[in-house]
PDB file of all heavy atoms in Angstrom:
ATOM      1  N   ALA A   1       0.848  -1.190   0.000  1.00  0.00           N
ATOM      2  CA  ALA A   1       0.000   0.000   0.000  1.00  0.00           C
ATOM      3  C   ALA A   1       0.884   1.241   0.000  1.00  0.00           C
ATOM      4  O   ALA A   1       1.852   1.317   0.752  1.00  0.00           O
ATOM      5  CB  ALA A   1      -0.907   0.001   1.226  1.00  0.00           C
ATOM      6  N   VAL A   2       0.517   2.203  -0.852  1.00  0.00           N
ATOM      7  CA  VAL A   2       1.255   3.459  -0.952  1.00  0.00           C
ATOM      8  C   VAL A   2       0.303   4.590  -0.573  1.00  0.00           C
ATOM      9  O   VAL A   2      -0.790   4.700  -1.123  1.00  0.00           O
ATOM     10  CB  VAL A   2       1.784   3.684  -2.390  1.00  0.00           C
ATOM     11  CG1 VAL A   2       2.513   5.016  -2.496  1.00  0.00           C
ATOM     12  CG2 VAL A   2       2.693   2.533  -2.814  1.00  0.00           C
ATOM     13  N   ALA A   3       0.713   5.429   0.377  1.00  0.00           N
ATOM     14  CA  ALA A   3      -0.102   6.568   0.807  1.00  0.00           C
ATOM     15  C   ALA A   3       0.594   7.863   0.412  1.00  0.00           C
ATOM     16  O   ALA A   3       1.795   8.026   0.608  1.00  0.00           O
ATOM     17  CB  ALA A   3      -0.307   6.534   2.322  1.00  0.00           C
ATOM     18  N   PHE A   4      -0.212   8.775  -0.160  1.00  0.00           N
ATOM     19  CA  PHE A   4       0.285  10.082  -0.568  1.00  0.00           C
ATOM     20  C   PHE A   4      -0.143  11.132   0.447  1.00  0.00           C
ATOM     21  O   PHE A   4      -1.152  10.960   1.139  1.00  0.00           O
ATOM     22  CB  PHE A   4      -0.252  10.435  -1.961  1.00  0.00           C
ATOM     23  CG  PHE A   4       0.298   9.555  -3.045  1.00  0.00           C
ATOM     24  CD1 PHE A   4      -0.307   8.346  -3.363  1.00  0.00           C
ATOM     25  CD2 PHE A   4       1.430   9.919  -3.744  1.00  0.00           C
ATOM     26  CE1 PHE A   4       0.204   7.522  -4.351  1.00  0.00           C
ATOM     27  CE2 PHE A   4       1.952   9.110  -4.740  1.00  0.00           C
ATOM     28  CZ  PHE A   4       1.336   7.905  -5.039  1.00  0.00           C
ATOM     29  N   PRO A   5       0.577  12.256   0.550  1.00  0.00           N
ATOM     30  CA  PRO A   5       0.241  13.296   1.522  1.00  0.00           C
ATOM     31  C   PRO A   5      -1.177  13.856   1.369  1.00  0.00           C
ATOM     32  O   PRO A   5      -1.777  14.295   2.349  1.00  0.00           O
ATOM     33  CB  PRO A   5       1.283  14.390   1.262  1.00  0.00           C
ATOM     34  CG  PRO A   5       2.429  13.688   0.631  1.00  0.00           C
ATOM     35  CD  PRO A   5       1.816  12.569  -0.175  1.00  0.00           C
ATOM     36  N   ASN A   6      -1.747  13.825   0.160  1.00  0.00           N
ATOM     37  CA  ASN A   6      -3.087  14.377  -0.061  1.00  0.00           C
ATOM     38  C   ASN A   6      -4.191  13.389   0.309  1.00  0.00           C
ATOM     39  O   ASN A   6      -5.371  13.666   0.117  1.00  0.00           O
ATOM     40  CB  ASN A   6      -3.255  14.811  -1.519  1.00  0.00           C
ATOM     41  CG  ASN A   6      -3.185  13.652  -2.490  1.00  0.00           C
ATOM     42  OD1 ASN A   6      -3.006  12.499  -2.098  1.00  0.00           O
ATOM     43  ND2 ASN A   6      -3.312  13.951  -3.769  1.00  0.00           N
ATOM     44  N   GLY A   7      -3.824  12.220   0.835  1.00  0.00           N
ATOM     45  CA  GLY A   7      -4.804  11.229   1.251  1.00  0.00           C
ATOM     46  C   GLY A   7      -5.063  10.129   0.235  1.00  0.00           C
ATOM     47  O   GLY A   7      -5.726   9.149   0.541  1.00  0.00           O
ATOM     48  N   ASP A   8      -4.575  10.296  -1.004  1.00  0.00           N
ATOM     49  CA  ASP A   8      -4.747   9.251  -2.015  1.00  0.00           C
ATOM     50  C   ASP A   8      -4.014   7.991  -1.585  1.00  0.00           C
ATOM     51  O   ASP A   8      -2.956   8.049  -0.952  1.00  0.00           O
ATOM     52  CB  ASP A   8      -4.216   9.700  -3.375  1.00  0.00           C
ATOM     53  CG  ASP A   8      -5.123  10.708  -4.065  1.00  0.00           C
ATOM     54  OD1 ASP A   8      -6.261  10.919  -3.583  1.00  0.00           O
ATOM     55  OD2 ASP A   8      -4.693  11.276  -5.082  1.00  0.00           O
ATOM     56  N   GLN A   9      -4.590   6.854  -1.948  1.00  0.00           N
ATOM     57  CA  GLN A   9      -3.994   5.549  -1.677  1.00  0.00           C
ATOM     58  C   GLN A   9      -3.822   4.815  -2.997  1.00  0.00           C
ATOM     59  O   GLN A   9      -4.705   4.857  -3.855  1.00  0.00           O
ATOM     60  CB  GLN A   9      -4.908   4.719  -0.768  1.00  0.00           C
ATOM     61  CG  GLN A   9      -5.130   5.307   0.603  1.00  0.00           C
ATOM     62  CD  GLN A   9      -3.995   4.975   1.550  1.00  0.00           C
ATOM     63  OE1 GLN A   9      -3.402   3.905   1.478  1.00  0.00           O
ATOM     64  NE2 GLN A   9      -3.685   5.887   2.442  1.00  0.00           N
ATOM     65  N   GLU A  10      -2.708   4.140  -3.170  1.00  0.00           N
ATOM     66  CA  GLU A  10      -2.468   3.319  -4.349  1.00  0.00           C
ATOM     67  C   GLU A  10      -1.837   2.006  -3.917  1.00  0.00           C
ATOM     68  O   GLU A  10      -1.325   1.899  -2.805  1.00  0.00           O
ATOM     69  CB  GLU A  10      -1.573   4.044  -5.362  1.00  0.00           C
ATOM     70  CG  GLU A  10      -2.216   5.301  -5.915  1.00  0.00           C
ATOM     71  CD  GLU A  10      -1.498   5.878  -7.121  1.00  0.00           C
ATOM     72  OE1 GLU A  10      -0.719   5.156  -7.774  1.00  0.00           O
ATOM     73  OE2 GLU A  10      -1.739   7.061  -7.413  1.00  0.00           O
ATOM     74  N   GLU A  11      -1.919   1.028  -4.800  1.00  0.00           N
ATOM     75  CA  GLU A  11      -1.282  -0.270  -4.581  1.00  0.00           C
ATOM     76  C   GLU A  11      -0.156  -0.425  -5.585  1.00  0.00           C
ATOM     77  O   GLU A  11      -0.360  -0.222  -6.786  1.00  0.00           O
ATOM     78  CB  GLU A  11      -2.285  -1.412  -4.776  1.00  0.00           C
ATOM     79  CG  GLU A  11      -3.362  -1.495  -3.711  1.00  0.00           C
ATOM     80  CD  GLU A  11      -2.856  -2.005  -2.382  1.00  0.00           C
ATOM     81  OE1 GLU A  11      -1.975  -2.886  -2.358  1.00  0.00           O
ATOM     82  OE2 GLU A  11      -3.341  -1.499  -1.353  1.00  0.00           O
ATOM     83  N   VAL A  12       1.018  -0.764  -5.106  1.00  0.00           N
ATOM     84  CA  VAL A  12       2.133  -1.059  -5.985  1.00  0.00           C
ATOM     85  C   VAL A  12       2.275  -2.580  -6.024  1.00  0.00           C
ATOM     86  O   VAL A  12       2.221  -3.236  -4.991  1.00  0.00           O
ATOM     87  CB  VAL A  12       3.438  -0.357  -5.536  1.00  0.00           C
ATOM     88  CG1 VAL A  12       3.906  -0.826  -4.182  1.00  0.00           C
ATOM     89  CG2 VAL A  12       4.542  -0.534  -6.556  1.00  0.00           C
ATOM     90  N   THR A  13       2.372  -3.123  -7.240  1.00  0.00           N
ATOM     91  CA  THR A  13       2.548  -4.559  -7.410  1.00  0.00           C
ATOM     92  C   THR A  13       4.017  -4.842  -7.653  1.00  0.00           C
ATOM     93  O   THR A  13       4.651  -4.213  -8.495  1.00  0.00           O
ATOM     94  CB  THR A  13       1.711  -5.090  -8.594  1.00  0.00           C
ATOM     95  OG1 THR A  13       0.338  -4.770  -8.356  1.00  0.00           O
ATOM     96  CG2 THR A  13       1.863  -6.589  -8.746  1.00  0.00           C
ATOM     97  N   LEU A  14       4.542  -5.796  -6.902  1.00  0.00           N
ATOM     98  CA  LEU A  14       5.944  -6.181  -6.992  1.00  0.00           C
ATOM     99  C   LEU A  14       6.044  -7.630  -7.426  1.00  0.00           C
ATOM    100  O   LEU A  14       5.210  -8.451  -7.041  1.00  0.00           O
ATOM    101  CB  LEU A  14       6.621  -6.007  -5.632  1.00  0.00           C
ATOM    102  CG  LEU A  14       6.530  -4.591  -5.083  1.00  0.00           C
ATOM    103  CD1 LEU A  14       6.630  -4.597  -3.589  1.00  0.00           C
ATOM    104  CD2 LEU A  14       7.602  -3.743  -5.690  1.00  0.00           C
ATOM    105  N   LYS A  15       7.058  -7.944  -8.209  1.00  0.00           N
ATOM    106  CA  LYS A  15       7.294  -9.321  -8.644  1.00  0.00           C
ATOM    107  C   LYS A  15       8.643  -9.779  -8.120  1.00  0.00           C
ATOM    108  O   LYS A  15       9.651  -9.075  -8.273  1.00  0.00           O
ATOM    109  CB  LYS A  15       7.272  -9.418 -10.168  1.00  0.00           C
ATOM    110  CG  LYS A  15       7.468 -10.834 -10.664  1.00  0.00           C
ATOM    111  CD  LYS A  15       7.322 -10.914 -12.164  1.00  0.00           C
ATOM    112  CE  LYS A  15       7.457 -12.366 -12.622  1.00  0.00           C
ATOM    113  NZ  LYS A  15       7.264 -12.474 -14.066  1.00  0.00           N
ATOM    114  N   ILE A  16       8.649 -10.955  -7.515  1.00  0.00           N
ATOM    115  CA  ILE A  16       9.889 -11.564  -7.038  1.00  0.00           C
ATOM    116  C   ILE A  16      10.515 -12.268  -8.230  1.00  0.00           C
ATOM    117  O   ILE A  16       9.939 -13.193  -8.797  1.00  0.00           O
ATOM    118  CB  ILE A  16       9.617 -12.549  -5.888  1.00  0.00           C
ATOM    119  CG1 ILE A  16       8.922 -11.822  -4.730  1.00  0.00           C
ATOM    120  CG2 ILE A  16      10.920 -13.199  -5.423  1.00  0.00           C
ATOM    121  CD1 ILE A  16       8.408 -12.729  -3.638  1.00  0.00           C
ATOM    122  N   ARG A  17      11.683 -11.803  -8.630  1.00  0.00           N
ATOM    123  CA  ARG A  17      12.296 -12.294  -9.864  1.00  0.00           C
ATOM    124  C   ARG A  17      13.058 -13.598  -9.695  1.00  0.00           C
ATOM    125  O   ARG A  17      13.182 -14.365 -10.644  1.00  0.00           O
ATOM    126  CB  ARG A  17      13.206 -11.231 -10.464  1.00  0.00           C
ATOM    127  CG  ARG A  17      12.413  -9.981 -10.881  1.00  0.00           C
ATOM    128  CD  ARG A  17      13.244  -8.965 -11.586  1.00  0.00           C
ATOM    129  NE  ARG A  17      14.358  -8.542 -10.747  1.00  0.00           N
ATOM    130  CZ  ARG A  17      15.524  -8.117 -11.198  1.00  0.00           C
ATOM    131  NH1 ARG A  17      15.746  -8.054 -12.485  1.00  0.00           N
ATOM    132  NH2 ARG A  17      16.470  -7.728 -10.379  1.00  0.00           N
ATOM    133  N   ASN A  18      13.603 -13.836  -8.487  1.00  0.00           N
ATOM    134  CA  ASN A  18      14.395 -15.048  -8.298  1.00  0.00           C
ATOM    135  C   ASN A  18      14.502 -15.386  -6.813  1.00  0.00           C
ATOM    136  O   ASN A  18      13.997 -14.653  -5.960  1.00  0.00           O
ATOM    137  CB  ASN A  18      15.784 -14.881  -8.927  1.00  0.00           C
ATOM    138  CG  ASN A  18      16.502 -13.656  -8.404  1.00  0.00           C
ATOM    139  OD1 ASN A  18      16.457 -13.345  -7.221  1.00  0.00           O
ATOM    140  ND2 ASN A  18      17.177 -12.938  -9.294  1.00  0.00           N
ATOM    141  N   SER A  19      15.178 -16.479  -6.508  1.00  0.00           N
ATOM    142  CA  SER A  19      15.305 -16.934  -5.118  1.00  0.00           C
ATOM    143  C   SER A  19      16.231 -16.053  -4.285  1.00  0.00           C
ATOM    144  O   SER A  19      16.313 -16.225  -3.074  1.00  0.00           O
ATOM    145  CB  SER A  19      15.787 -18.381  -5.081  1.00  0.00           C
ATOM    146  OG  SER A  19      17.057 -18.490  -5.700  1.00  0.00           O
ATOM    147  N   ASP A  20      16.921 -15.108  -4.930  1.00  0.00           N
ATOM    148  CA  ASP A  20      17.772 -14.154  -4.200  1.00  0.00           C
ATOM    149  C   ASP A  20      16.975 -12.950  -3.707  1.00  0.00           C
ATOM    150  O   ASP A  20      17.543 -12.007  -3.174  1.00  0.00           O
ATOM    151  CB  ASP A  20      18.917 -13.667  -5.087  1.00  0.00           C
ATOM    152  CG  ASP A  20      19.910 -14.768  -5.395  1.00  0.00           C
ATOM    153  OD1 ASP A  20      20.085 -15.679  -4.566  1.00  0.00           O
ATOM    154  OD2 ASP A  20      20.515 -14.717  -6.484  1.00  0.00           O
ATOM    155  N   ALA A  21      15.658 -12.958  -3.917  1.00  0.00           N
ATOM    156  CA  ALA A  21      14.744 -11.893  -3.489  1.00  0.00           C
ATOM    157  C   ALA A  21      14.927 -10.603  -4.285  1.00  0.00           C
ATOM    158  O   ALA A  21      14.673  -9.524  -3.774  1.00  0.00           O
ATOM    159  CB  ALA A  21      14.855 -11.622  -1.990  1.00  0.00           C
ATOM    160  N   ASP A  22      15.371 -10.723  -5.534  1.00  0.00           N
ATOM    161  CA  ASP A  22      15.399  -9.555  -6.412  1.00  0.00           C
ATOM    162  C   ASP A  22      13.962  -9.248  -6.797  1.00  0.00           C
ATOM    163  O   ASP A  22      13.224 -10.140  -7.233  1.00  0.00           O
ATOM    164  CB  ASP A  22      16.236  -9.821  -7.665  1.00  0.00           C
ATOM    165  CG  ASP A  22      17.714  -9.980  -7.360  1.00  0.00           C
ATOM    166  OD1 ASP A  22      18.186  -9.370  -6.381  1.00  0.00           O
ATOM    167  OD2 ASP A  22      18.386 -10.712  -8.100  1.00  0.00           O
ATOM    168  N   ILE A  23      13.556  -7.993  -6.632  1.00  0.00           N
ATOM    169  CA  ILE A  23      12.161  -7.597  -6.831  1.00  0.00           C
ATOM    170  C   ILE A  23      12.091  -6.428  -7.797  1.00  0.00           C
ATOM    171  O   ILE A  23      12.936  -5.540  -7.771  1.00  0.00           O
ATOM    172  CB  ILE A  23      11.531  -7.185  -5.484  1.00  0.00           C
ATOM    173  CG1 ILE A  23      11.549  -8.361  -4.527  1.00  0.00           C
ATOM    174  CG2 ILE A  23      10.117  -6.664  -5.664  1.00  0.00           C
ATOM    175  CD1 ILE A  23      11.129  -8.014  -3.135  1.00  0.00           C
ATOM    176  N   SER A  24      11.053  -6.430  -8.623  1.00  0.00           N
ATOM    177  CA  SER A  24      10.801  -5.326  -9.551  1.00  0.00           C
ATOM    178  C   SER A  24       9.383  -4.819  -9.356  1.00  0.00           C
ATOM    179  O   SER A  24       8.471  -5.604  -9.093  1.00  0.00           O
ATOM    180  CB  SER A  24      10.953  -5.779 -11.003  1.00  0.00           C
ATOM    181  OG  SER A  24      12.269  -6.165 -11.274  1.00  0.00           O
ATOM    182  N   ILE A  25       9.197  -3.501  -9.509  1.00  0.00           N
ATOM    183  CA  ILE A  25       7.855  -2.922  -9.526  1.00  0.00           C
ATOM    184  C   ILE A  25       7.261  -3.213 -10.893  1.00  0.00           C
ATOM    185  O   ILE A  25       7.874  -2.909 -11.915  1.00  0.00           O
ATOM    186  CB  ILE A  25       7.889  -1.400  -9.270  1.00  0.00           C
ATOM    187  CG1 ILE A  25       8.321  -1.115  -7.837  1.00  0.00           C
ATOM    188  CG2 ILE A  25       6.515  -0.781  -9.547  1.00  0.00           C
ATOM    189  CD1 ILE A  25       8.456   0.361  -7.503  1.00  0.00           C
ATOM    190  N   VAL A  26       6.070  -3.817 -10.907  1.00  0.00           N
ATOM    191  CA  VAL A  26       5.427  -4.135 -12.183  1.00  0.00           C
ATOM    192  C   VAL A  26       4.128  -3.366 -12.387  1.00  0.00           C
ATOM    193  O   VAL A  26       3.539  -3.428 -13.460  1.00  0.00           O
ATOM    194  CB  VAL A  26       5.171  -5.654 -12.339  1.00  0.00           C
ATOM    195  CG1 VAL A  26       6.499  -6.393 -12.409  1.00  0.00           C
ATOM    196  CG2 VAL A  26       4.309  -6.207 -11.224  1.00  0.00           C
ATOM    197  N   GLY A  27       3.682  -2.626 -11.381  1.00  0.00           N
ATOM    198  CA  GLY A  27       2.463  -1.853 -11.553  1.00  0.00           C
ATOM    199  C   GLY A  27       2.153  -0.956 -10.364  1.00  0.00           C
ATOM    200  O   GLY A  27       2.605  -1.217  -9.259  1.00  0.00           O
TER     201      GLY A  27
END
């Protein structure tokens, strides 16, 4: 969950790329 100072809320989707816990934002 991502919260902005103006009260807006968004969801960031993350993908685990490998067993080393490398992660990328996908949305």
